[in-house]
Amino acid sequence: MTKEYGVGIIGCGNISGAYFKLIPMFNNLKVVACTDINMEAAKGRAEEFGVEAQEMETLLANPAVDVVVNLTIPEAHYGVSKKALEAGKHVYSEKPFVLSIEEGEDLRKIADAKGLKVGSAPDTYLGGSHQYARHLIDEGKIGKVTSGSAHVLGPGMEMWHPNPDFFFRPGGGPILDMGPYYINNLVNLIGPIKRVVALANKGKEERTISNGPRTGEKVPVIVATNVHAILEFVSGAHVALTSSWDVWAHRHQNMELYGTEGAIFVPDPNFFGGKVEVAGTDREPREVEVWDHPMTSHNYEFAWGTQANYRGVGLSDMMRSVEEGGDYRCSLDRSLHTIDVLTSILRSAEEGKAVEIRTTCTQPAAFGIEDAKALLR
C-alpha cells in the first residue's frame, strides 16, 4: 500500500494553479490546505480546489499536513521553508529554493536534526523526452559527451506575468529564474559541474508591464538580465550557457550536446516533453521516436496549446523516499549544487574570474517508464 501524504501549499499566486491541478495525479499525495500572505487569494484557491484555507501558523500546526510546498517569491523561500521544517514538516520548494549555499546548509542542518526531507523544483527533467535523451546518452548513442550549448532567450517576464516585480529583484533574473531548468537537466544528462566563468549585463534599468491590471507600470531592474557562461563539468565536458531577457528573436536550439560519435538535440528544459533529435557521424540530425513514457503525454492546457506537464513528480518521488528510504531525484544535495552553480555564474561575472564550484552531487538515477508509472494513480 502506498501512503498518501497531506500537502499544504504556501503561496497561492500564478504558479499555484498547476500544483493544485496536477498533484492529485500522484498516488501518494493529497492537497489538504493552503495559505497566502493575501488570504483572499488562499480562499479563492481553496474554494476552487476543495481544500481548506488556513493562516500560515494554523497550516504549519495542522497534523494533516505532512509536507509543505513553498510557492512564495524567491526572497521568501528560505524563511518560509525554515519555519516549515521547524514545525516538523517536510519541504518541497519552487526554485530557487534558497539564494545562497549558507541558507541551504542551514535548512539541511534543521532537516537532518528532525529527520525531514527537503526538495526543490524544477522536476521537468523527469519528463519522458528528457529521460529518453538521458537513456540515449547512457547507451552511448553519441559517444562521450565533450561539449554543448544551451540557450534560454526571450524579451522578458513583464510581457506575460501580471506581477513581474520579483523577476527583476534578488533571486530573479534569467539565471536564477530559468537557469535551474537548464542546470538540473545538464546534471541529469552529464553529471555535476566543477567550475564556471561568465560575463553579465542588463539591457534596461526598468521594465514596463504589458499584461494584466498593472499594464503600463514601470518595474526597476536590479539584477543582470543578460548572462553568458561556460560550464566545466567533472566529466571534462564544457557547455556554453546563454541566459537572457534582452533578446527579441533568435534561432538557437534550447540545448545541444556534442559527443565523440554524434550529437543530441534536447527539447526545452522548461517543459516535460518535446522533440528529441540525434545525429551520428553522418552529421544529419534526425528526430527519434521517444519511448512510451507516461510523462510525455500532452495533458495540460497552456495559453499557446497543450503540453506535457507533471509538476509535482519531484515531490511525489521525495515522499516515496520518505516511505521507502533511499535517494530522491530532486534532492537537497542536487538542488544546492544547482544554486551553487547559478550563484557562482553571477559571482564570476561580478568578479571577472573563473569560480570553482564548492558543492557536488551524484547524477540522479534515471527515471524510467516503470518508475513513473509507480507514482501515478
Protein backbone atom coordinates (compact mmCIF):
# COMPACT_ATOMS: atom_id res chain seq x y z
CA MET A 1 0.00 0.00 0.00
CA THR A 2 1.21 3.50 -0.86
CA LYS A 3 0.78 6.00 1.92
CA GLU A 4 -0.99 9.23 0.96
CA TYR A 5 0.78 12.29 2.35
CA GLY A 6 -1.06 15.52 3.14
CA VAL A 7 0.23 18.55 1.23
CA GLY A 8 -0.03 22.14 2.45
CA ILE A 9 0.59 24.80 -0.19
CA ILE A 10 2.09 28.10 0.94
CA GLY A 11 1.73 30.74 -1.77
CA CYS A 12 -1.40 30.89 -3.94
CA GLY A 13 -0.15 33.05 -6.80
CA ASN A 14 0.22 32.44 -10.51
CA ILE A 15 2.11 29.14 -10.37
CA SER A 16 -0.05 27.54 -7.68
CA GLY A 17 -2.81 26.57 -10.12
CA ALA A 18 -0.57 23.99 -11.80
CA TYR A 19 0.29 22.39 -8.45
CA PHE A 20 -3.33 22.28 -7.31
CA LYS A 21 -4.37 20.68 -10.61
CA LEU A 22 -1.50 18.24 -11.03
CA ILE A 23 -0.68 16.98 -7.52
CA PRO A 24 -3.84 14.79 -7.50
CA MET A 25 -2.30 12.73 -10.35
CA PHE A 26 0.16 11.20 -7.90
CA ASN A 27 -0.90 8.26 -5.76
CA ASN A 28 0.96 9.32 -2.61
CA LEU A 29 -0.15 12.98 -2.45
CA LYS A 30 -3.28 14.88 -1.44
CA VAL A 31 -3.58 18.66 -1.07
CA VAL A 32 -5.36 19.36 2.22
CA ALA A 33 -4.70 23.05 2.96
CA CYS A 34 -3.31 26.29 1.56
CA THR A 35 -2.31 29.75 2.69
CA ASP A 36 -1.02 33.03 1.31
CA ILE A 37 0.04 36.42 2.64
CA ASN A 38 -3.14 37.53 0.85
CA MET A 39 -5.76 35.31 2.46
CA GLU A 40 -8.31 36.23 -0.20
CA ALA A 41 -6.05 34.52 -2.75
CA ALA A 42 -5.85 31.46 -0.50
CA LYS A 43 -9.61 31.36 -0.04
CA GLY A 44 -10.07 31.59 -3.79
CA ARG A 45 -7.80 28.62 -4.44
CA ALA A 46 -9.34 26.69 -1.55
CA GLU A 47 -12.83 27.12 -2.96
CA GLU A 48 -11.66 26.27 -6.48
CA PHE A 49 -9.95 23.04 -5.47
CA GLY A 50 -11.92 21.90 -2.42
CA VAL A 51 -9.26 22.33 0.26
CA GLU A 52 -9.09 24.39 3.44
CA ALA A 53 -7.65 27.92 3.53
CA GLN A 54 -5.74 28.50 6.76
CA GLU A 55 -3.48 31.14 8.24
CA MET A 56 0.16 30.10 7.90
CA GLU A 57 0.62 29.30 11.60
CA THR A 58 -2.50 27.12 11.56
CA LEU A 59 -1.36 25.28 8.45
CA LEU A 60 2.07 24.59 9.96
CA ALA A 61 0.41 23.22 13.09
CA ASN A 62 -2.07 21.11 11.12
CA PRO A 63 -1.38 17.40 11.78
CA ALA A 64 -2.93 16.52 8.40
CA VAL A 65 -0.11 18.41 6.63
CA ASP A 66 2.94 16.16 6.19
CA VAL A 67 4.78 18.24 3.60
CA VAL A 68 4.75 21.92 2.68
CA VAL A 69 5.02 23.07 -0.93
CA ASN A 70 6.65 26.50 -0.84
CA LEU A 71 5.41 28.67 -3.73
CA THR A 72 6.27 32.07 -2.25
CA ILE A 73 8.54 34.58 -4.03
CA PRO A 74 12.26 33.65 -4.20
CA GLU A 75 13.34 36.10 -1.49
CA ALA A 76 10.91 34.40 0.93
CA HIS A 77 11.73 30.77 0.10
CA TYR A 78 14.40 30.28 2.76
CA GLY A 79 12.46 31.86 5.62
CA VAL A 80 9.23 30.02 4.85
CA SER A 81 10.97 26.68 4.38
CA LYS A 82 12.83 27.14 7.65
CA LYS A 83 9.56 27.75 9.52
CA ALA A 84 8.02 24.66 7.93
CA LEU A 85 10.98 22.47 8.91
CA GLU A 86 10.94 23.83 12.46
CA ALA A 87 7.24 22.90 12.57
CA GLY A 88 8.16 19.30 11.68
CA LYS A 89 7.06 19.34 8.02
CA HIS A 90 8.94 18.03 5.01
CA VAL A 91 9.54 20.81 2.46
CA TYR A 92 9.40 20.95 -1.32
CA SER A 93 10.09 24.40 -2.75
CA GLU A 94 9.75 26.12 -6.06
CA LYS A 95 13.08 27.23 -7.50
CA PRO A 96 15.36 28.75 -6.41
CA PHE A 97 14.80 27.09 -3.04
CA VAL A 98 17.47 29.27 -1.41
CA LEU A 99 19.65 32.16 -2.61
CA SER A 100 22.97 31.02 -1.09
CA ILE A 101 24.86 27.90 -0.04
CA GLU A 102 24.72 29.10 3.56
CA GLU A 103 20.91 29.19 3.52
CA GLY A 104 20.79 25.71 2.01
CA GLU A 105 23.16 24.28 4.60
CA ASP A 106 21.08 25.83 7.38
CA LEU A 107 17.98 24.08 6.04
CA ARG A 108 19.96 20.83 5.80
CA LYS A 109 21.02 21.12 9.45
CA ILE A 110 17.43 21.55 10.63
CA ALA A 111 16.10 18.80 8.34
CA ASP A 112 18.76 16.31 9.43
CA ALA A 113 18.13 17.02 13.10
CA LYS A 114 14.41 16.38 12.66
CA GLY A 115 14.61 13.52 10.17
CA LEU A 116 12.92 15.54 7.42
CA LYS A 117 13.36 15.83 3.65
CA VAL A 118 13.95 18.98 1.61
CA GLY A 119 13.49 19.00 -2.15
CA SER A 120 13.16 21.58 -4.88
CA ALA A 121 11.76 22.14 -8.33
CA PRO A 122 12.32 22.09 -11.20
CA ASP A 123 11.42 18.48 -11.90
CA THR A 124 10.85 18.96 -15.64
CA TYR A 125 13.96 16.90 -16.41
CA LEU A 126 11.97 13.87 -15.20
CA GLY A 127 9.74 14.24 -18.26
CA GLY A 128 9.73 11.45 -20.83
CA SER A 129 11.62 13.31 -23.56
CA HIS A 130 14.46 14.38 -21.28
CA GLN A 131 14.69 10.92 -19.80
CA TYR A 132 14.86 9.45 -23.29
CA ALA A 133 17.72 11.80 -24.08
CA ARG A 134 19.37 10.56 -20.88
CA HIS A 135 18.76 6.96 -21.98
CA LEU A 136 20.41 7.57 -25.36
CA ILE A 137 23.44 9.20 -23.75
CA ASP A 138 23.74 6.39 -21.19
CA GLU A 139 23.58 3.85 -24.02
CA GLY A 140 26.50 5.57 -25.78
CA LYS A 141 24.45 6.77 -28.75
CA ILE A 142 26.65 9.86 -29.22
CA GLY A 143 29.78 8.54 -27.52
CA LYS A 144 31.34 10.51 -24.68
CA VAL A 145 29.84 14.00 -24.25
CA THR A 146 32.63 16.54 -24.73
CA SER A 147 30.79 19.85 -25.14
CA GLY A 148 27.48 21.53 -25.80
CA SER A 149 25.40 24.68 -25.75
CA ALA A 150 22.24 25.78 -24.00
CA HIS A 151 20.13 28.87 -24.64
CA VAL A 152 17.23 30.38 -22.69
CA LEU A 153 16.43 33.60 -24.50
CA GLY A 154 13.45 35.95 -24.58
CA PRO A 155 12.33 39.56 -24.19
CA GLY A 156 11.33 39.39 -20.51
CA MET A 157 8.78 38.19 -17.99
CA GLU A 158 6.93 41.51 -17.88
CA MET A 159 5.49 40.52 -21.27
CA TRP A 160 3.13 37.93 -19.72
CA HIS A 161 3.23 37.98 -15.90
CA PRO A 162 0.79 40.41 -14.22
CA ASN A 163 3.11 40.95 -11.22
CA PRO A 164 6.66 40.51 -12.56
CA ASP A 165 8.48 42.63 -9.95
CA PHE A 166 10.21 39.68 -8.26
CA PHE A 167 11.73 38.50 -11.55
CA PHE A 168 13.96 41.59 -11.55
CA ARG A 169 14.87 41.54 -7.85
CA PRO A 170 17.45 39.41 -5.99
CA GLY A 171 16.53 35.78 -6.58
CA GLY A 172 15.23 36.65 -10.04
CA GLY A 173 16.85 37.34 -13.38
CA PRO A 174 17.16 34.73 -16.13
CA ILE A 175 19.95 32.85 -14.35
CA LEU A 176 18.19 32.19 -11.04
CA ASP A 177 14.68 32.02 -12.51
CA MET A 178 15.20 29.98 -15.70
CA GLY A 179 18.70 28.65 -15.05
CA PRO A 180 17.54 25.89 -12.66
CA TYR A 181 15.69 24.13 -15.51
CA TYR A 182 18.86 24.02 -17.58
CA ILE A 183 21.36 23.19 -14.85
CA ASN A 184 19.13 20.42 -13.43
CA ASN A 185 18.82 18.87 -16.86
CA LEU A 186 22.54 19.16 -17.60
CA VAL A 187 23.38 17.46 -14.29
CA ASN A 188 20.82 14.78 -15.22
CA LEU A 189 22.46 14.27 -18.62
CA ILE A 190 26.17 14.79 -17.84
CA GLY A 191 26.68 14.97 -14.08
CA PRO A 192 27.94 17.63 -11.64
CA ILE A 193 29.77 20.85 -12.53
CA LYS A 194 33.30 21.75 -11.44
CA ARG A 195 33.95 25.36 -12.49
CA VAL A 196 32.27 28.30 -14.25
CA VAL A 197 33.27 31.57 -15.88
CA ALA A 198 30.80 34.24 -17.00
CA LEU A 199 30.01 37.75 -18.22
CA ALA A 200 26.80 39.65 -17.49
CA ASN A 201 24.99 42.95 -18.09
CA LYS A 202 21.45 44.28 -18.36
CA GLY A 203 19.71 45.92 -21.28
CA LYS A 204 17.32 48.17 -19.34
CA GLU A 205 17.16 49.88 -15.95
CA GLU A 206 13.38 49.40 -15.82
CA ARG A 207 10.71 47.29 -17.50
CA THR A 208 7.13 48.17 -18.46
CA ILE A 209 4.42 45.68 -17.50
CA SER A 210 2.38 44.80 -20.59
CA ASN A 211 -0.13 42.32 -19.21
CA GLY A 212 -2.90 42.46 -16.60
CA PRO A 213 -4.32 45.24 -14.43
CA ARG A 214 -0.91 46.88 -13.90
CA THR A 215 -0.24 47.35 -17.62
CA GLY A 216 1.95 50.39 -18.14
CA GLU A 217 3.57 50.36 -14.68
CA LYS A 218 7.37 50.52 -14.53
CA VAL A 219 9.41 47.88 -12.66
CA PRO A 220 13.04 48.61 -11.64
CA VAL A 221 15.65 46.10 -12.81
CA ILE A 222 18.13 45.28 -10.02
CA VAL A 223 19.70 42.07 -11.38
CA ALA A 224 21.61 41.15 -14.54
CA THR A 225 19.33 40.14 -17.40
CA ASN A 226 21.91 39.04 -19.97
CA VAL A 227 24.41 36.35 -18.91
CA HIS A 228 26.91 34.28 -20.90
CA ALA A 229 28.68 31.43 -19.08
CA ILE A 230 30.96 28.46 -19.73
CA LEU A 231 30.40 25.43 -17.51
CA GLU A 232 33.16 22.90 -16.89
CA PHE A 233 31.79 19.52 -15.77
CA VAL A 234 33.54 17.00 -13.54
CA SER A 235 33.38 14.63 -16.54
CA GLY A 236 35.53 17.07 -18.54
CA ALA A 237 32.72 18.34 -20.79
CA HIS A 238 32.34 22.07 -21.47
CA VAL A 239 28.91 23.64 -22.11
CA ALA A 240 28.19 27.25 -23.10
CA LEU A 241 25.06 28.65 -21.40
CA THR A 242 23.41 31.86 -22.61
CA SER A 243 20.55 33.18 -20.48
CA SER A 244 18.93 36.47 -21.40
CA TRP A 245 15.75 38.53 -21.17
CA ASP A 246 17.14 41.06 -23.63
CA VAL A 247 16.51 39.04 -26.80
CA TRP A 248 13.58 39.66 -29.15
CA ALA A 249 14.37 36.90 -31.67
CA HIS A 250 16.92 34.12 -32.19
CA ARG A 251 17.49 30.79 -33.99
CA HIS A 252 19.24 28.83 -31.27
CA GLN A 253 18.25 25.35 -30.10
CA ASN A 254 17.35 25.09 -26.41
CA MET A 255 20.07 22.53 -25.74
CA GLU A 256 22.59 20.63 -27.85
CA LEU A 257 25.16 18.15 -26.58
CA TYR A 258 28.10 17.03 -28.70
CA GLY A 259 29.82 13.68 -28.28
CA THR A 260 32.69 11.77 -29.81
CA GLU A 261 30.23 9.82 -32.02
CA GLY A 262 27.45 12.33 -32.72
CA ALA A 263 25.16 14.97 -31.25
CA ILE A 264 21.82 15.09 -29.45
CA PHE A 265 19.29 17.92 -29.59
CA VAL A 266 17.38 18.16 -26.29
CA PRO A 267 13.95 19.85 -26.02
CA ASP A 268 13.19 22.90 -23.88
CA PRO A 269 14.07 22.02 -20.24
CA ASN A 270 11.21 24.29 -19.14
CA PHE A 271 8.80 21.53 -20.22
CA PHE A 272 8.44 17.81 -19.65
CA GLY A 273 8.06 16.79 -23.30
CA GLY A 274 9.27 17.80 -26.73
CA LYS A 275 11.16 16.63 -29.78
CA VAL A 276 14.47 14.76 -29.45
CA GLU A 277 16.84 14.67 -32.42
CA VAL A 278 20.07 12.71 -32.84
CA ALA A 279 22.89 12.91 -35.38
CA GLY A 280 25.63 10.34 -35.86
CA THR A 281 28.91 10.57 -37.71
CA ASP A 282 26.86 11.18 -40.87
CA ARG A 283 26.21 14.69 -39.44
CA GLU A 284 22.47 14.51 -40.22
CA PRO A 285 20.11 15.30 -37.29
CA ARG A 286 17.01 13.09 -37.32
CA GLU A 287 14.03 13.12 -34.98
CA VAL A 288 13.77 9.95 -32.92
CA GLU A 289 10.54 8.47 -31.61
CA VAL A 290 10.68 8.77 -27.85
CA TRP A 291 9.59 5.86 -25.72
CA ASP A 292 6.09 5.42 -24.32
CA HIS A 293 6.90 7.23 -21.09
CA PRO A 294 3.79 8.39 -19.18
CA MET A 295 5.28 11.84 -18.60
CA THR A 296 5.46 12.59 -22.30
CA SER A 297 1.68 12.76 -22.84
CA HIS A 298 0.18 16.18 -23.53
CA ASN A 299 -2.11 16.70 -20.56
CA TYR A 300 -2.09 20.41 -19.67
CA GLU A 301 -3.58 23.38 -21.49
CA PHE A 302 -1.30 26.41 -21.72
CA ALA A 303 -2.20 29.69 -23.40
CA TRP A 304 -0.37 28.58 -26.56
CA GLY A 305 -1.58 24.97 -26.64
CA THR A 306 -1.45 21.61 -24.90
CA GLN A 307 1.85 20.42 -23.38
CA ALA A 308 3.11 17.65 -21.12
CA ASN A 309 3.07 19.00 -17.54
CA TYR A 310 3.69 16.84 -14.48
CA ARG A 311 4.69 19.39 -11.84
CA GLY A 312 4.77 17.60 -8.54
CA VAL A 313 6.54 14.45 -9.73
CA GLY A 314 9.68 15.56 -7.86
CA LEU A 315 7.58 16.00 -4.73
CA SER A 316 5.98 12.58 -5.21
CA ASP A 317 9.40 10.98 -5.68
CA MET A 318 10.64 12.70 -2.50
CA MET A 319 7.71 11.40 -0.47
CA ARG A 320 8.26 7.91 -1.94
CA SER A 321 11.74 8.09 -0.40
CA VAL A 322 10.21 9.07 2.94
CA GLU A 323 8.20 5.85 2.86
CA GLU A 324 10.73 3.52 1.24
CA GLY A 325 14.09 5.11 2.10
CA GLY A 326 16.86 5.78 -0.38
CA ASP A 327 17.64 8.70 -2.64
CA TYR A 328 15.19 11.06 -4.32
CA ARG A 329 15.98 12.85 -7.54
CA CYS A 330 15.16 16.49 -6.66
CA SER A 331 17.24 16.19 -3.51
CA LEU A 332 18.70 18.92 -1.32
CA ASP A 333 22.22 17.98 -2.50
CA ARG A 334 21.35 18.38 -6.18
CA SER A 335 19.22 21.46 -5.60
CA LEU A 336 22.02 23.10 -3.62
CA HIS A 337 24.55 22.19 -6.32
CA THR A 338 22.32 23.96 -8.83
CA ILE A 339 22.17 27.06 -6.60
CA ASP A 340 25.94 26.94 -6.16
CA VAL A 341 26.43 26.82 -9.94
CA LEU A 342 23.99 29.65 -10.64
CA THR A 343 25.23 31.98 -7.91
CA SER A 344 28.82 31.20 -8.95
CA ILE A 345 27.97 32.25 -12.51
CA LEU A 346 26.76 35.61 -11.20
CA ARG A 347 29.81 35.94 -8.93
CA SER A 348 32.14 35.13 -11.81
CA ALA A 349 30.53 37.91 -13.86
CA GLU A 350 30.89 40.36 -10.96
CA GLU A 351 34.49 39.45 -10.13
CA GLY A 352 35.76 38.89 -13.67
CA LYS A 353 37.31 35.49 -12.99
CA ALA A 354 36.55 31.77 -13.05
CA VAL A 355 34.85 30.40 -9.92
CA GLU A 356 35.27 26.88 -8.54
CA ILE A 357 32.02 25.18 -7.52
CA ARG A 358 32.11 24.39 -3.79
CA THR A 359 29.42 21.68 -3.76
CA THR A 360 28.96 18.48 -5.67
CA CYS A 361 26.33 15.79 -6.07
CA THR A 362 25.74 12.49 -7.79
CA GLN A 363 23.99 12.24 -11.13
CA PRO A 364 20.35 11.44 -10.33
CA ALA A 365 19.10 7.96 -11.05
CA ALA A 366 17.40 7.66 -14.43
CA PHE A 367 13.61 7.92 -14.22
CA GLY A 368 12.24 5.25 -16.49
CA ILE A 369 8.76 4.16 -17.55
CA GLU A 370 8.11 1.88 -14.59
CA ASP A 371 9.47 4.47 -12.14
CA ALA A 372 6.94 6.99 -13.47
CA LYS A 373 4.03 4.56 -13.53
CA ALA A 374 4.68 3.64 -9.89
CA LEU A 375 3.93 7.22 -8.80
CA LEU A 376 0.76 7.81 -10.81
CA ARG A 377 -2.77 6.93 -9.78
